[in-house]
């Protein structure tokens, strides 16, 4: 069990021995290679991937950043050779230990961190809803001439697609999905969504809300440890895969069989997948809340002294 000690900053830190954290760092590198190694090869060949591209283009955290390792705030790294330490400007070194220095947390990021924490807590407390059936992707191509992923064929022609969208309720609760609805589709949504009421409409059953846990994790890199960021990335990768399988795009040529939400069987398949994402997201959201709270409290206390 890692020891805990107090350092000159009066901050209690969990201590990891050199061999223990170095093994974690190497395991992180291996897992990243397993997850996106092949993707990075095809990306270097300028080939599109509508699933993984989204995670590095919509979310502003590049593969090079995902590969980097941080222990996160509240952890001290014992070391023998300083050159082994992760290259983080926020590290402070005292004798043979290094840790993220609370004095180096940017004051301008505190308000943003507080907003994210409040949103995560509010989302956690809500009852999950599973009734959207992934219709957001369909609303994004409703009555539009050129879909976003125009290099991928659709599973229906434009008339059939419009008829299907009009036959189903749109009950999207996630503003960052809703804002990509086509203009004719936006008035059809049950909820009025905006950036201002983001806190009030987020709910934990939403597949995009769970995908966004990755964003809330990397937003505070390196203060949030790479282990949790990677866990959130894996969840986002699975959620995005489900998102695209349930979309109107035909991805069978890329090895993704569609979840045909235009059928009762497909809708049941989608709900099961959505519920599984929700269950996987619960402990990640809980961990993020705990780490955000600890960091914010530590920064606020440090500023007060």
C-alpha atoms as a PDB file:
ATOM      1  CA  UNK A   1       0.000   0.000   0.000  1.00  0.00           C
ATOM      2  CA  UNK A   2       1.500   3.395  -0.982  1.00  0.00           C
ATOM      3  CA  UNK A   3       2.647   5.496   1.939  1.00  0.00           C
ATOM      4  CA  UNK A   4       1.312   8.984   2.638  1.00  0.00           C
ATOM      5  CA  UNK A   5       3.499  11.815   3.837  1.00  0.00           C
ATOM      6  CA  UNK A   6       3.493  15.587   4.194  1.00  0.00           C
ATOM      7  CA  UNK A   7       5.867  17.745   2.172  1.00  0.00           C
ATOM      8  CA  UNK A   8       7.105  21.345   2.567  1.00  0.00           C
ATOM      9  CA  UNK A   9       3.873  22.718   1.081  1.00  0.00           C
ATOM     10  CA  UNK A  10       1.967  21.075   3.983  1.00  0.00           C
ATOM     11  CA  UNK A  11       0.215  19.006   1.342  1.00  0.00           C
ATOM     12  CA  UNK A  12      -0.426  15.356   2.118  1.00  0.00           C
ATOM     13  CA  UNK A  13       0.681  13.246  -0.821  1.00  0.00           C
ATOM     14  CA  UNK A  14       0.375   9.582  -1.696  1.00  0.00           C
ATOM     15  CA  UNK A  15       3.861   8.302  -2.427  1.00  0.00           C
ATOM     16  CA  UNK A  16       4.635   5.961  -5.301  1.00  0.00           C
ATOM     17  CA  UNK A  17       8.000   4.238  -5.405  1.00  0.00           C
ATOM     18  CA  UNK A  18      10.135   4.629  -8.515  1.00  0.00           C
ATOM     19  CA  UNK A  19       9.435   1.116  -9.830  1.00  0.00           C
ATOM     20  CA  UNK A  20       5.681   1.351  -9.203  1.00  0.00           C
ATOM     21  CA  UNK A  21       4.990   4.604 -11.041  1.00  0.00           C
ATOM     22  CA  UNK A  22       7.426   3.783 -13.813  1.00  0.00           C
ATOM     23  CA  UNK A  23       5.509   0.539 -14.422  1.00  0.00           C
ATOM     24  CA  UNK A  24       2.267   2.545 -14.575  1.00  0.00           C
ATOM     25  CA  UNK A  25       3.845   4.893 -17.090  1.00  0.00           C
ATOM     26  CA  UNK A  26       4.956   1.998 -19.301  1.00  0.00           C
ATOM     27  CA  UNK A  27       1.555   0.286 -19.049  1.00  0.00           C
ATOM     28  CA  UNK A  28      -0.057   3.545 -20.152  1.00  0.00           C
ATOM     29  CA  UNK A  29       2.154   3.609 -23.240  1.00  0.00           C
ATOM     30  CA  UNK A  30       1.280  -0.004 -24.110  1.00  0.00           C
ATOM     31  CA  UNK A  31      -2.459   0.564 -23.695  1.00  0.00           C
ATOM     32  CA  UNK A  32      -2.390   3.654 -25.907  1.00  0.00           C
ATOM     33  CA  UNK A  33      -0.620   1.668 -28.616  1.00  0.00           C
ATOM     34  CA  UNK A  34      -3.251  -1.074 -28.394  1.00  0.00           C
ATOM     35  CA  UNK A  35      -6.084   1.434 -28.657  1.00  0.00           C
ATOM     36  CA  UNK A  36      -4.888   3.814 -31.354  1.00  0.00           C
ATOM     37  CA  UNK A  37      -1.652   2.427 -32.813  1.00  0.00           C
ATOM     38  CA  UNK A  38      -3.304   1.187 -36.004  1.00  0.00           C
ATOM     39  CA  UNK A  39      -5.392   4.346 -36.225  1.00  0.00           C
ATOM     40  CA  UNK A  40      -2.301   6.553 -36.120  1.00  0.00           C
ATOM     41  CA  UNK A  41      -0.820   4.605 -39.023  1.00  0.00           C
ATOM     42  CA  UNK A  42      -3.913   5.145 -41.188  1.00  0.00           C
ATOM     43  CA  UNK A  43      -4.119   8.764 -40.022  1.00  0.00           C
ATOM     44  CA  UNK A  44      -0.556   9.331 -41.253  1.00  0.00           C
ATOM     45  CA  UNK A  45      -1.773   8.042 -44.623  1.00  0.00           C
ATOM     46  CA  UNK A  46      -4.513  10.734 -44.583  1.00  0.00           C
ATOM     47  CA  UNK A  47      -7.315   8.178 -44.308  1.00  0.00           C
ATOM     48  CA  UNK A  48     -10.512   9.221 -42.569  1.00  0.00           C
ATOM     49  CA  UNK A  49     -12.000   7.391 -39.603  1.00  0.00           C
ATOM     50  CA  UNK A  50     -15.402   8.791 -38.573  1.00  0.00           C
ATOM     51  CA  UNK A  51     -15.201   7.107 -35.180  1.00  0.00           C
ATOM     52  CA  UNK A  52     -11.727   7.956 -33.884  1.00  0.00           C
ATOM     53  CA  UNK A  53     -11.225  11.180 -35.848  1.00  0.00           C
ATOM     54  CA  UNK A  54     -14.027  12.673 -33.782  1.00  0.00           C
ATOM     55  CA  UNK A  55     -12.161  12.000 -30.535  1.00  0.00           C
ATOM     56  CA  UNK A  56      -9.123  13.968 -31.715  1.00  0.00           C
ATOM     57  CA  UNK A  57     -10.768  16.665 -33.812  1.00  0.00           C
ATOM     58  CA  UNK A  58     -13.909  17.564 -31.881  1.00  0.00           C
ATOM     59  CA  UNK A  59     -12.071  17.101 -28.581  1.00  0.00           C
ATOM     60  CA  UNK A  60      -8.976  19.303 -28.433  1.00  0.00           C
ATOM     61  CA  UNK A  61      -6.605  16.703 -26.976  1.00  0.00           C
ATOM     62  CA  UNK A  62      -4.200  15.317 -29.544  1.00  0.00           C
ATOM     63  CA  UNK A  63      -2.784  11.766 -29.615  1.00  0.00           C
ATOM     64  CA  UNK A  64       0.600  13.153 -28.536  1.00  0.00           C
ATOM     65  CA  UNK A  65      -1.027  14.534 -25.370  1.00  0.00           C
ATOM     66  CA  UNK A  66      -2.941  11.339 -24.691  1.00  0.00           C
ATOM     67  CA  UNK A  67       0.350   9.446 -24.844  1.00  0.00           C
ATOM     68  CA  UNK A  68       1.931  11.604 -22.156  1.00  0.00           C
ATOM     69  CA  UNK A  69       1.712  10.376 -18.577  1.00  0.00           C
ATOM     70  CA  UNK A  70       0.955  12.243 -15.384  1.00  0.00           C
ATOM     71  CA  UNK A  71       0.378  10.831 -11.883  1.00  0.00           C
ATOM     72  CA  UNK A  72      -2.203  13.520 -11.206  1.00  0.00           C
ATOM     73  CA  UNK A  73      -2.505  15.890  -8.284  1.00  0.00           C
ATOM     74  CA  UNK A  74      -1.841  14.563  -4.802  1.00  0.00           C
ATOM     75  CA  UNK A  75       0.764  11.957  -5.777  1.00  0.00           C
ATOM     76  CA  UNK A  76       4.508  12.135  -5.074  1.00  0.00           C
ATOM     77  CA  UNK A  77       6.902  10.175  -7.252  1.00  0.00           C
ATOM     78  CA  UNK A  78       9.948   8.693  -5.627  1.00  0.00           C
ATOM     79  CA  UNK A  79      12.847   8.625  -8.069  1.00  0.00           C
ATOM     80  CA  UNK A  80      16.491   7.724  -8.384  1.00  0.00           C
ATOM     81  CA  UNK A  81      17.234   9.461 -11.681  1.00  0.00           C
ATOM     82  CA  UNK A  82      15.529  12.828 -12.432  1.00  0.00           C
ATOM     83  CA  UNK A  83      15.633  12.054 -16.164  1.00  0.00           C
ATOM     84  CA  UNK A  84      13.054   9.304 -15.555  1.00  0.00           C
ATOM     85  CA  UNK A  85      10.431  11.808 -14.383  1.00  0.00           C
ATOM     86  CA  UNK A  86       7.590  12.806 -16.702  1.00  0.00           C
ATOM     87  CA  UNK A  87       8.230  16.074 -18.517  1.00  0.00           C
ATOM     88  CA  UNK A  88       5.769  18.300 -16.684  1.00  0.00           C
ATOM     89  CA  UNK A  89       6.418  21.967 -15.983  1.00  0.00           C
ATOM     90  CA  UNK A  90       4.105  21.751 -12.974  1.00  0.00           C
ATOM     91  CA  UNK A  91       6.379  19.322 -11.103  1.00  0.00           C
ATOM     92  CA  UNK A  92       8.288  20.429  -8.043  1.00  0.00           C
ATOM     93  CA  UNK A  93      11.259  18.398  -6.826  1.00  0.00           C
ATOM     94  CA  UNK A  94      12.388  18.074  -3.228  1.00  0.00           C
ATOM     95  CA  UNK A  95      15.265  15.721  -2.518  1.00  0.00           C
ATOM     96  CA  UNK A  96      14.257  12.411  -4.151  1.00  0.00           C
ATOM     97  CA  UNK A  97      10.532  13.045  -4.647  1.00  0.00           C
ATOM     98  CA  UNK A  98       8.542  15.028  -7.236  1.00  0.00           C
ATOM     99  CA  UNK A  99       4.900  16.108  -7.314  1.00  0.00           C
ATOM    100  CA  UNK A 100       2.555  18.596  -8.954  1.00  0.00           C
ATOM    101  CA  UNK A 101       2.976  21.905  -7.187  1.00  0.00           C
ATOM    102  CA  UNK A 102      -0.325  23.509  -6.169  1.00  0.00           C
ATOM    103  CA  UNK A 103       1.338  26.927  -6.530  1.00  0.00           C
ATOM    104  CA  UNK A 104       1.614  26.260 -10.262  1.00  0.00           C
ATOM    105  CA  UNK A 105      -2.110  25.728 -10.818  1.00  0.00           C
ATOM    106  CA  UNK A 106      -3.233  28.625 -13.075  1.00  0.00           C
ATOM    107  CA  UNK A 107      -5.570  30.900 -11.152  1.00  0.00           C
ATOM    108  CA  UNK A 108      -7.523  31.648 -14.338  1.00  0.00           C
ATOM    109  CA  UNK A 109      -8.535  27.970 -14.585  1.00  0.00           C
ATOM    110  CA  UNK A 110     -10.151  27.821 -11.157  1.00  0.00           C
ATOM    111  CA  UNK A 111     -13.503  29.263 -12.222  1.00  0.00           C
ATOM    112  CA  UNK A 112     -13.709  26.858 -15.169  1.00  0.00           C
ATOM    113  CA  UNK A 113     -12.908  23.919 -12.872  1.00  0.00           C
ATOM    114  CA  UNK A 114     -15.644  25.029 -10.459  1.00  0.00           C
ATOM    115  CA  UNK A 115     -18.162  25.221 -13.339  1.00  0.00           C
ATOM    116  CA  UNK A 116     -17.255  21.710 -14.510  1.00  0.00           C
ATOM    117  CA  UNK A 117     -17.471  20.315 -10.979  1.00  0.00           C
ATOM    118  CA  UNK A 118     -20.928  21.810 -10.449  1.00  0.00           C
ATOM    119  CA  UNK A 119     -22.100  20.393 -13.784  1.00  0.00           C
ATOM    120  CA  UNK A 120     -20.708  16.921 -13.006  1.00  0.00           C
ATOM    121  CA  UNK A 121     -22.404  16.892  -9.589  1.00  0.00           C
ATOM    122  CA  UNK A 122     -25.703  18.057 -11.059  1.00  0.00           C
ATOM    123  CA  UNK A 123     -25.564  15.389 -13.771  1.00  0.00           C
ATOM    124  CA  UNK A 124     -24.668  12.666 -11.276  1.00  0.00           C
ATOM    125  CA  UNK A 125     -27.710  13.426  -9.151  1.00  0.00           C
ATOM    126  CA  UNK A 126     -30.188  13.175 -12.014  1.00  0.00           C
ATOM    127  CA  UNK A 127     -32.184  10.159 -13.047  1.00  0.00           C
ATOM    128  CA  UNK A 128     -30.873   8.707 -16.332  1.00  0.00           C
ATOM    129  CA  UNK A 129     -33.045   8.797 -19.433  1.00  0.00           C
ATOM    130  CA  UNK A 130     -32.652   6.290 -22.266  1.00  0.00           C
ATOM    131  CA  UNK A 131     -35.358   7.303 -24.716  1.00  0.00           C
ATOM    132  CA  UNK A 132     -33.457   9.186 -27.422  1.00  0.00           C
ATOM    133  CA  UNK A 133     -32.451   6.109 -29.505  1.00  0.00           C
ATOM    134  CA  UNK A 134     -29.540   8.025 -31.031  1.00  0.00           C
ATOM    135  CA  UNK A 135     -31.796  10.225 -33.147  1.00  0.00           C
ATOM    136  CA  UNK A 136     -29.397  13.171 -32.771  1.00  0.00           C
ATOM    137  CA  UNK A 137     -27.197  11.911 -35.632  1.00  0.00           C
ATOM    138  CA  UNK A 138     -30.257  11.653 -37.859  1.00  0.00           C
ATOM    139  CA  UNK A 139     -31.331  15.186 -36.936  1.00  0.00           C
ATOM    140  CA  UNK A 140     -27.898  16.372 -38.072  1.00  0.00           C
ATOM    141  CA  UNK A 141     -28.564  15.232 -41.648  1.00  0.00           C
ATOM    142  CA  UNK A 142     -32.306  15.961 -41.805  1.00  0.00           C
ATOM    143  CA  UNK A 143     -33.124  17.847 -45.019  1.00  0.00           C
ATOM    144  CA  UNK A 144     -29.521  18.771 -45.687  1.00  0.00           C
ATOM    145  CA  UNK A 145     -27.751  18.597 -49.035  1.00  0.00           C
ATOM    146  CA  UNK A 146     -24.251  17.768 -47.807  1.00  0.00           C
ATOM    147  CA  UNK A 147     -23.893  15.698 -44.610  1.00  0.00           C
ATOM    148  CA  UNK A 148     -20.848  16.243 -42.378  1.00  0.00           C
ATOM    149  CA  UNK A 149     -19.374  12.849 -43.256  1.00  0.00           C
ATOM    150  CA  UNK A 150     -20.069  13.211 -46.961  1.00  0.00           C
ATOM    151  CA  UNK A 151     -17.432  10.606 -47.836  1.00  0.00           C
ATOM    152  CA  UNK A 152     -19.638   7.915 -46.249  1.00  0.00           C
ATOM    153  CA  UNK A 153     -22.909   6.741 -47.865  1.00  0.00           C
ATOM    154  CA  UNK A 154     -26.191   6.981 -46.007  1.00  0.00           C
ATOM    155  CA  UNK A 155     -28.375   3.950 -45.323  1.00  0.00           C
ATOM    156  CA  UNK A 156     -31.456   5.728 -46.691  1.00  0.00           C
ATOM    157  CA  UNK A 157     -32.098   8.219 -49.435  1.00  0.00           C
ATOM    158  CA  UNK A 158     -32.947  11.770 -48.355  1.00  0.00           C
ATOM    159  CA  UNK A 159     -36.723  11.300 -48.670  1.00  0.00           C
ATOM    160  CA  UNK A 160     -36.763   8.089 -46.609  1.00  0.00           C
ATOM    161  CA  UNK A 161     -34.478   9.636 -44.021  1.00  0.00           C
ATOM    162  CA  UNK A 162     -36.666  12.711 -43.626  1.00  0.00           C
ATOM    163  CA  UNK A 163     -39.774  10.554 -43.319  1.00  0.00           C
ATOM    164  CA  UNK A 164     -38.136   8.467 -40.603  1.00  0.00           C
ATOM    165  CA  UNK A 165     -36.983  11.515 -38.607  1.00  0.00           C
ATOM    166  CA  UNK A 166     -40.480  12.960 -38.784  1.00  0.00           C
ATOM    167  CA  UNK A 167     -41.931   9.680 -37.510  1.00  0.00           C
ATOM    168  CA  UNK A 168     -39.880   9.668 -34.299  1.00  0.00           C
ATOM    169  CA  UNK A 169     -39.754  12.112 -31.365  1.00  0.00           C
ATOM    170  CA  UNK A 170     -36.539  14.091 -30.925  1.00  0.00           C
ATOM    171  CA  UNK A 171     -35.734  14.238 -27.208  1.00  0.00           C
ATOM    172  CA  UNK A 172     -32.073  15.258 -27.166  1.00  0.00           C
ATOM    173  CA  UNK A 173     -30.862  16.639 -23.800  1.00  0.00           C
ATOM    174  CA  UNK A 174     -27.257  17.439 -24.769  1.00  0.00           C
ATOM    175  CA  UNK A 175     -26.663  20.919 -26.152  1.00  0.00           C
ATOM    176  CA  UNK A 176     -23.380  20.078 -27.870  1.00  0.00           C
ATOM    177  CA  UNK A 177     -25.201  17.473 -29.959  1.00  0.00           C
ATOM    178  CA  UNK A 178     -28.293  19.622 -30.468  1.00  0.00           C
ATOM    179  CA  UNK A 179     -26.279  22.553 -31.828  1.00  0.00           C
ATOM    180  CA  UNK A 180     -25.350  20.426 -34.855  1.00  0.00           C
ATOM    181  CA  UNK A 181     -29.001  19.713 -35.724  1.00  0.00           C
ATOM    182  CA  UNK A 182     -30.024  21.098 -39.081  1.00  0.00           C
ATOM    183  CA  UNK A 183     -32.175  24.206 -38.847  1.00  0.00           C
ATOM    184  CA  UNK A 184     -35.363  22.332 -39.876  1.00  0.00           C
ATOM    185  CA  UNK A 185     -34.701  19.732 -37.147  1.00  0.00           C
ATOM    186  CA  UNK A 186     -34.085  22.066 -34.203  1.00  0.00           C
ATOM    187  CA  UNK A 187     -37.726  23.103 -33.643  1.00  0.00           C
ATOM    188  CA  UNK A 188     -38.686  19.410 -33.584  1.00  0.00           C
ATOM    189  CA  UNK A 189     -36.694  18.728 -30.398  1.00  0.00           C
ATOM    190  CA  UNK A 190     -38.761  18.357 -27.233  1.00  0.00           C
ATOM    191  CA  UNK A 191     -36.341  20.384 -25.100  1.00  0.00           C
ATOM    192  CA  UNK A 192     -35.103  23.929 -25.556  1.00  0.00           C
ATOM    193  CA  UNK A 193     -31.340  23.633 -25.217  1.00  0.00           C
ATOM    194  CA  UNK A 194     -28.734  26.355 -24.916  1.00  0.00           C
ATOM    195  CA  UNK A 195     -25.242  26.907 -23.574  1.00  0.00           C
ATOM    196  CA  UNK A 196     -26.765  28.882 -20.696  1.00  0.00           C
ATOM    197  CA  UNK A 197     -28.938  25.998 -19.413  1.00  0.00           C
ATOM    198  CA  UNK A 198     -26.350  23.272 -20.077  1.00  0.00           C
ATOM    199  CA  UNK A 199     -26.240  22.432 -16.338  1.00  0.00           C
ATOM    200  CA  UNK A 200     -29.972  21.895 -16.166  1.00  0.00           C
ATOM    201  CA  UNK A 201     -30.405  19.631 -19.194  1.00  0.00           C
ATOM    202  CA  UNK A 202     -27.414  17.279 -18.889  1.00  0.00           C
ATOM    203  CA  UNK A 203     -28.412  13.827 -17.652  1.00  0.00           C
ATOM    204  CA  UNK A 204     -26.252  10.724 -17.014  1.00  0.00           C
ATOM    205  CA  UNK A 205     -28.018   8.384 -19.443  1.00  0.00           C
ATOM    206  CA  UNK A 206     -27.034  10.522 -22.419  1.00  0.00           C
ATOM    207  CA  UNK A 207     -24.408   8.818 -24.534  1.00  0.00           C
ATOM    208  CA  UNK A 208     -22.765  12.164 -25.329  1.00  0.00           C
ATOM    209  CA  UNK A 209     -22.716  13.183 -21.676  1.00  0.00           C
ATOM    210  CA  UNK A 210     -20.753  10.026 -20.918  1.00  0.00           C
ATOM    211  CA  UNK A 211     -18.525  10.583 -23.941  1.00  0.00           C
ATOM    212  CA  UNK A 212     -17.777  14.058 -22.589  1.00  0.00           C
ATOM    213  CA  UNK A 213     -16.313  12.582 -19.407  1.00  0.00           C
ATOM    214  CA  UNK A 214     -13.171  12.267 -21.494  1.00  0.00           C
ATOM    215  CA  UNK A 215     -13.254  16.033 -22.121  1.00  0.00           C
ATOM    216  CA  UNK A 216     -13.758  16.865 -18.456  1.00  0.00           C
ATOM    217  CA  UNK A 217     -10.862  14.549 -17.580  1.00  0.00           C
ATOM    218  CA  UNK A 218      -8.304  15.965 -20.007  1.00  0.00           C
ATOM    219  CA  UNK A 219      -9.402  19.568 -19.387  1.00  0.00           C
ATOM    220  CA  UNK A 220      -7.339  19.483 -16.189  1.00  0.00           C
ATOM    221  CA  UNK A 221      -4.334  17.551 -17.460  1.00  0.00           C
ATOM    222  CA  UNK A 222      -1.838  17.074 -15.818  1.00  0.00           C
ATOM    223  CA  UNK A 223      -3.733  17.672 -12.554  1.00  0.00           C
ATOM    224  CA  UNK A 224      -6.077  14.795 -13.439  1.00  0.00           C
ATOM    225  CA  UNK A 225      -3.987  11.636 -13.706  1.00  0.00           C
ATOM    226  CA  UNK A 226      -3.484   9.837 -17.005  1.00  0.00           C
ATOM    227  CA  UNK A 227      -5.017   6.642 -15.644  1.00  0.00           C
ATOM    228  CA  UNK A 228      -8.422   8.322 -15.303  1.00  0.00           C
ATOM    229  CA  UNK A 229      -8.037  10.207 -18.587  1.00  0.00           C
ATOM    230  CA  UNK A 230      -7.331   6.930 -20.378  1.00  0.00           C
ATOM    231  CA  UNK A 231     -10.293   5.224 -18.707  1.00  0.00           C
ATOM    232  CA  UNK A 232     -12.531   8.067 -19.877  1.00  0.00           C
ATOM    233  CA  UNK A 233     -11.026   7.855 -23.378  1.00  0.00           C
ATOM    234  CA  UNK A 234     -11.821   4.145 -23.606  1.00  0.00           C
ATOM    235  CA  UNK A 235     -15.419   4.898 -22.614  1.00  0.00           C
ATOM    236  CA  UNK A 236     -15.603   7.707 -25.191  1.00  0.00           C
ATOM    237  CA  UNK A 237     -14.258   5.376 -27.886  1.00  0.00           C
ATOM    238  CA  UNK A 238     -16.948   2.797 -27.137  1.00  0.00           C
ATOM    239  CA  UNK A 239     -19.662   5.452 -26.932  1.00  0.00           C
ATOM    240  CA  UNK A 240     -18.615   7.002 -30.234  1.00  0.00           C
ATOM    241  CA  UNK A 241     -18.637   3.577 -31.896  1.00  0.00           C
ATOM    242  CA  UNK A 242     -22.219   3.014 -30.739  1.00  0.00           C
ATOM    243  CA  UNK A 243     -23.092   6.541 -31.844  1.00  0.00           C
ATOM    244  CA  UNK A 244     -21.895   5.871 -35.387  1.00  0.00           C
ATOM    245  CA  UNK A 245     -23.401   2.383 -35.615  1.00  0.00           C
ATOM    246  CA  UNK A 246     -26.810   3.860 -34.730  1.00  0.00           C
ATOM    247  CA  UNK A 247     -26.396   6.764 -37.141  1.00  0.00           C
ATOM    248  CA  UNK A 248     -27.828   6.985 -40.674  1.00  0.00           C
ATOM    249  CA  UNK A 249     -24.335   6.405 -42.106  1.00  0.00           C
ATOM    250  CA  UNK A 250     -23.505   3.050 -43.680  1.00  0.00           C
ATOM    251  CA  UNK A 251     -20.250   1.947 -42.054  1.00  0.00           C
ATOM    252  CA  UNK A 252     -20.390  -1.738 -42.930  1.00  0.00           C
ATOM    253  CA  UNK A 253     -17.454  -1.230 -45.264  1.00  0.00           C
ATOM    254  CA  UNK A 254     -15.466  -0.229 -42.190  1.00  0.00           C
ATOM    255  CA  UNK A 255     -16.512  -3.256 -40.181  1.00  0.00           C
ATOM    256  CA  UNK A 256     -19.359  -1.633 -38.230  1.00  0.00           C
ATOM    257  CA  UNK A 257     -22.727  -3.316 -38.513  1.00  0.00           C
ATOM    258  CA  UNK A 258     -25.523  -0.774 -38.047  1.00  0.00           C
ATOM    259  CA  UNK A 259     -27.763  -0.604 -35.021  1.00  0.00           C
ATOM    260  CA  UNK A 260     -30.968  -0.180 -36.983  1.00  0.00           C
ATOM    261  CA  UNK A 261     -32.910   2.181 -34.758  1.00  0.00           C
ATOM    262  CA  UNK A 262     -35.549   2.376 -37.489  1.00  0.00           C
ATOM    263  CA  UNK A 263     -36.674  -1.057 -36.209  1.00  0.00           C
ATOM    264  CA  UNK A 264     -38.013  -2.088 -32.808  1.00  0.00           C
ATOM    265  CA  UNK A 265     -35.216  -4.641 -32.473  1.00  0.00           C
ATOM    266  CA  UNK A 266     -32.605  -1.982 -33.254  1.00  0.00           C
ATOM    267  CA  UNK A 267     -34.057   0.419 -30.698  1.00  0.00           C
ATOM    268  CA  UNK A 268     -33.866  -2.245 -28.004  1.00  0.00           C
ATOM    269  CA  UNK A 269     -30.265  -2.949 -28.996  1.00  0.00           C
ATOM    270  CA  UNK A 270     -29.480   0.753 -28.704  1.00  0.00           C
ATOM    271  CA  UNK A 271     -31.047   1.054 -25.242  1.00  0.00           C
ATOM    272  CA  UNK A 272     -29.002  -1.898 -23.993  1.00  0.00           C
ATOM    273  CA  UNK A 273     -25.807  -0.340 -25.338  1.00  0.00           C
ATOM    274  CA  UNK A 274     -26.738   3.052 -23.875  1.00  0.00           C
ATOM    275  CA  UNK A 275     -27.430   1.546 -20.453  1.00  0.00           C
ATOM    276  CA  UNK A 276     -24.057  -0.234 -20.522  1.00  0.00           C
ATOM    277  CA  UNK A 277     -22.303   3.063 -21.303  1.00  0.00           C
ATOM    278  CA  UNK A 278     -24.183   4.706 -18.421  1.00  0.00           C
ATOM    279  CA  UNK A 279     -23.044   2.000 -15.992  1.00  0.00           C
ATOM    280  CA  UNK A 280     -19.417   2.325 -17.124  1.00  0.00           C
ATOM    281  CA  UNK A 281     -19.630   6.094 -16.857  1.00  0.00           C
ATOM    282  CA  UNK A 282     -20.865   6.197 -13.246  1.00  0.00           C
ATOM    283  CA  UNK A 283     -17.555   5.367 -11.511  1.00  0.00           C
ATOM    284  CA  UNK A 284     -15.612   7.609 -13.907  1.00  0.00           C
ATOM    285  CA  UNK A 285     -17.892  10.569 -13.183  1.00  0.00           C
ATOM    286  CA  UNK A 286     -17.639   9.835  -9.448  1.00  0.00           C
ATOM    287  CA  UNK A 287     -13.826   9.754  -9.608  1.00  0.00           C
ATOM    288  CA  UNK A 288     -13.744  13.000 -11.581  1.00  0.00           C
ATOM    289  CA  UNK A 289     -15.955  14.707  -9.009  1.00  0.00           C
ATOM    290  CA  UNK A 290     -13.681  13.562  -6.183  1.00  0.00           C
ATOM    291  CA  UNK A 291     -10.507  14.675  -7.948  1.00  0.00           C
ATOM    292  CA  UNK A 292     -11.941  18.012  -9.050  1.00  0.00           C
ATOM    293  CA  UNK A 293     -13.196  18.662  -5.516  1.00  0.00           C
ATOM    294  CA  UNK A 294      -9.847  17.796  -3.927  1.00  0.00           C
ATOM    295  CA  UNK A 295      -7.918  19.956  -6.383  1.00  0.00           C
ATOM    296  CA  UNK A 296     -10.277  22.957  -6.091  1.00  0.00           C
ATOM    297  CA  UNK A 297     -10.242  22.761  -2.291  1.00  0.00           C
ATOM    298  CA  UNK A 298      -6.445  22.551  -2.261  1.00  0.00           C
ATOM    299  CA  UNK A 299      -6.019  25.472  -4.661  1.00  0.00           C
ATOM    300  CA  UNK A 300      -8.540  27.610  -2.757  1.00  0.00           C
ATOM    301  CA  UNK A 301      -6.881  26.835   0.573  1.00  0.00           C
ATOM    302  CA  UNK A 302      -3.465  27.607  -0.886  1.00  0.00           C
ATOM    303  CA  UNK A 303      -4.679  30.960  -2.232  1.00  0.00           C
ATOM    304  CA  UNK A 304      -6.166  31.835   1.157  1.00  0.00           C
ATOM    305  CA  UNK A 305      -2.867  31.255   3.001  1.00  0.00           C
END
